[in-house]
Amino acid sequence: MPKTVQIRDIDDDVYAALTRRAAEAGLTVPELLRREAARLASRPSMQEWLERTRRRTSTITTSEVLDTLDELRGEWPDAGG
């Protein structure tokens, strides 16, 4: 059964931004907030996400990650001037 949620004391600038975003999407503010609430509820919490990622095993070392980042970034400019 659908529930009703009321948010009080929204700052004027926040409400103006919500109104603008809703209009850009062709929605009302309640429709926009309903979609955003559904999107938020469908995502794992930070705690759930951390628990899942901790269970994953990896064979990649920190050194390999740093080497790959250095390769992608390219040469550093000569700081010796």
C-alpha atoms as a PDB file:
ATOM      1  CA  MET A   1       0.000   0.000   0.000  1.00  0.00           C
ATOM      2  CA  PRO A   2       1.477   3.416  -0.938  1.00  0.00           C
ATOM      3  CA  LYS A   3       2.635   5.671   1.875  1.00  0.00           C
ATOM      4  CA  THR A   4       2.749   9.448   2.121  1.00  0.00           C
ATOM      5  CA  VAL A   5       5.921  11.266   3.143  1.00  0.00           C
ATOM      6  CA  GLN A   6       6.050  14.933   4.032  1.00  0.00           C
ATOM      7  CA  ILE A   7       9.266  16.947   4.145  1.00  0.00           C
ATOM      8  CA  ARG A   8       9.172  20.122   6.189  1.00  0.00           C
ATOM      9  CA  ASP A   9      11.483  23.133   6.336  1.00  0.00           C
ATOM     10  CA  ILE A  10      12.997  22.889   2.845  1.00  0.00           C
ATOM     11  CA  ASP A  11      15.183  25.911   2.142  1.00  0.00           C
ATOM     12  CA  ASP A  12      13.906  28.172  -0.629  1.00  0.00           C
ATOM     13  CA  ASP A  13      16.988  27.615  -2.785  1.00  0.00           C
ATOM     14  CA  VAL A  14      16.652  23.845  -2.453  1.00  0.00           C
ATOM     15  CA  TYR A  15      12.982  23.951  -3.443  1.00  0.00           C
ATOM     16  CA  ALA A  16      13.795  26.237  -6.372  1.00  0.00           C
ATOM     17  CA  ALA A  17      16.413  23.751  -7.575  1.00  0.00           C
ATOM     18  CA  LEU A  18      13.940  20.876  -7.244  1.00  0.00           C
ATOM     19  CA  THR A  19      11.327  22.863  -9.163  1.00  0.00           C
ATOM     20  CA  ARG A  20      13.834  23.606 -11.920  1.00  0.00           C
ATOM     21  CA  ARG A  21      14.942  19.973 -12.192  1.00  0.00           C
ATOM     22  CA  ALA A  22      11.365  18.724 -12.218  1.00  0.00           C
ATOM     23  CA  ALA A  23      10.431  21.172 -14.977  1.00  0.00           C
ATOM     24  CA  GLU A  24      13.455  20.138 -17.054  1.00  0.00           C
ATOM     25  CA  ALA A  25      12.334  16.509 -16.752  1.00  0.00           C
ATOM     26  CA  GLY A  26       8.694  17.364 -17.482  1.00  0.00           C
ATOM     27  CA  LEU A  27       7.635  16.293 -13.990  1.00  0.00           C
ATOM     28  CA  THR A  28       6.093  17.791 -10.904  1.00  0.00           C
ATOM     29  CA  VAL A  29       8.218  18.109  -7.772  1.00  0.00           C
ATOM     30  CA  PRO A  30       6.379  15.212  -6.056  1.00  0.00           C
ATOM     31  CA  GLU A  31       6.935  13.011  -9.138  1.00  0.00           C
ATOM     32  CA  LEU A  32      10.625  13.897  -9.196  1.00  0.00           C
ATOM     33  CA  LEU A  33      10.999  13.152  -5.490  1.00  0.00           C
ATOM     34  CA  ARG A  34       9.067   9.875  -5.856  1.00  0.00           C
ATOM     35  CA  ARG A  35      11.476   8.744  -8.592  1.00  0.00           C
ATOM     36  CA  GLU A  36      14.515   9.820  -6.601  1.00  0.00           C
ATOM     37  CA  ALA A  37      13.226   8.053  -3.470  1.00  0.00           C
ATOM     38  CA  ALA A  38      12.701   4.835  -5.467  1.00  0.00           C
ATOM     39  CA  ARG A  39      16.204   5.135  -6.948  1.00  0.00           C
ATOM     40  CA  LEU A  40      17.713   5.719  -3.516  1.00  0.00           C
ATOM     41  CA  ALA A  41      15.819   2.802  -1.975  1.00  0.00           C
ATOM     42  CA  SER A  42      16.957   0.437  -4.740  1.00  0.00           C
ATOM     43  CA  ARG A  43      20.647   1.097  -4.099  1.00  0.00           C
ATOM     44  CA  PRO A  44      22.590  -0.676  -1.367  1.00  0.00           C
ATOM     45  CA  SER A  45      23.539   1.348   1.685  1.00  0.00           C
ATOM     46  CA  MET A  46      27.197   2.265   2.087  1.00  0.00           C
ATOM     47  CA  GLN A  47      27.506  -0.421   4.777  1.00  0.00           C
ATOM     48  CA  GLU A  48      25.975  -3.077   2.498  1.00  0.00           C
ATOM     49  CA  TRP A  49      28.252  -2.052  -0.364  1.00  0.00           C
ATOM     50  CA  LEU A  50      31.361  -2.175   1.826  1.00  0.00           C
ATOM     51  CA  GLU A  51      30.421  -5.618   3.138  1.00  0.00           C
ATOM     52  CA  ARG A  52      29.999  -6.925  -0.412  1.00  0.00           C
ATOM     53  CA  THR A  53      33.274  -5.473  -1.644  1.00  0.00           C
ATOM     54  CA  ARG A  54      35.206  -6.814   1.350  1.00  0.00           C
ATOM     55  CA  ARG A  55      34.109 -10.350   0.440  1.00  0.00           C
ATOM     56  CA  ARG A  56      35.652 -10.090  -3.012  1.00  0.00           C
ATOM     57  CA  THR A  57      39.118 -11.499  -3.441  1.00  0.00           C
ATOM     58  CA  SER A  58      41.678  -9.835  -5.629  1.00  0.00           C
ATOM     59  CA  THR A  59      44.994 -10.924  -7.056  1.00  0.00           C
ATOM     60  CA  ILE A  60      45.920  -7.382  -8.083  1.00  0.00           C
ATOM     61  CA  THR A  61      48.573  -5.770  -5.925  1.00  0.00           C
ATOM     62  CA  THR A  62      48.792  -2.138  -4.895  1.00  0.00           C
ATOM     63  CA  SER A  63      52.017  -1.879  -6.857  1.00  0.00           C
ATOM     64  CA  GLU A  64      50.245  -3.042 -10.033  1.00  0.00           C
ATOM     65  CA  VAL A  65      47.492  -0.476  -9.529  1.00  0.00           C
ATOM     66  CA  LEU A  66      50.022   2.322  -9.046  1.00  0.00           C
ATOM     67  CA  ASP A  67      52.053   1.212 -12.078  1.00  0.00           C
ATOM     68  CA  THR A  68      48.912   1.186 -14.243  1.00  0.00           C
ATOM     69  CA  LEU A  69      47.896   4.652 -13.022  1.00  0.00           C
ATOM     70  CA  ASP A  70      51.376   5.983 -13.792  1.00  0.00           C
ATOM     71  CA  GLU A  71      51.170   4.446 -17.263  1.00  0.00           C
ATOM     72  CA  LEU A  72      47.759   6.012 -17.923  1.00  0.00           C
ATOM     73  CA  ARG A  73      48.794   9.414 -16.620  1.00  0.00           C
ATOM     74  CA  GLY A  74      51.932   9.567 -18.713  1.00  0.00           C
ATOM     75  CA  GLU A  75      55.156  11.377 -17.958  1.00  0.00           C
ATOM     76  CA  TRP A  76      55.219  13.945 -15.177  1.00  0.00           C
ATOM     77  CA  PRO A  77      56.448  17.385 -16.239  1.00  0.00           C
ATOM     78  CA  ASP A  78      59.982  18.128 -15.098  1.00  0.00           C
ATOM     79  CA  ALA A  79      59.581  19.805 -11.716  1.00  0.00           C
ATOM     80  CA  GLY A  80      63.301  20.527 -11.514  1.00  0.00           C
ATOM     81  CA  GLY A  81      62.906  23.677 -13.653  1.00  0.00           C
END
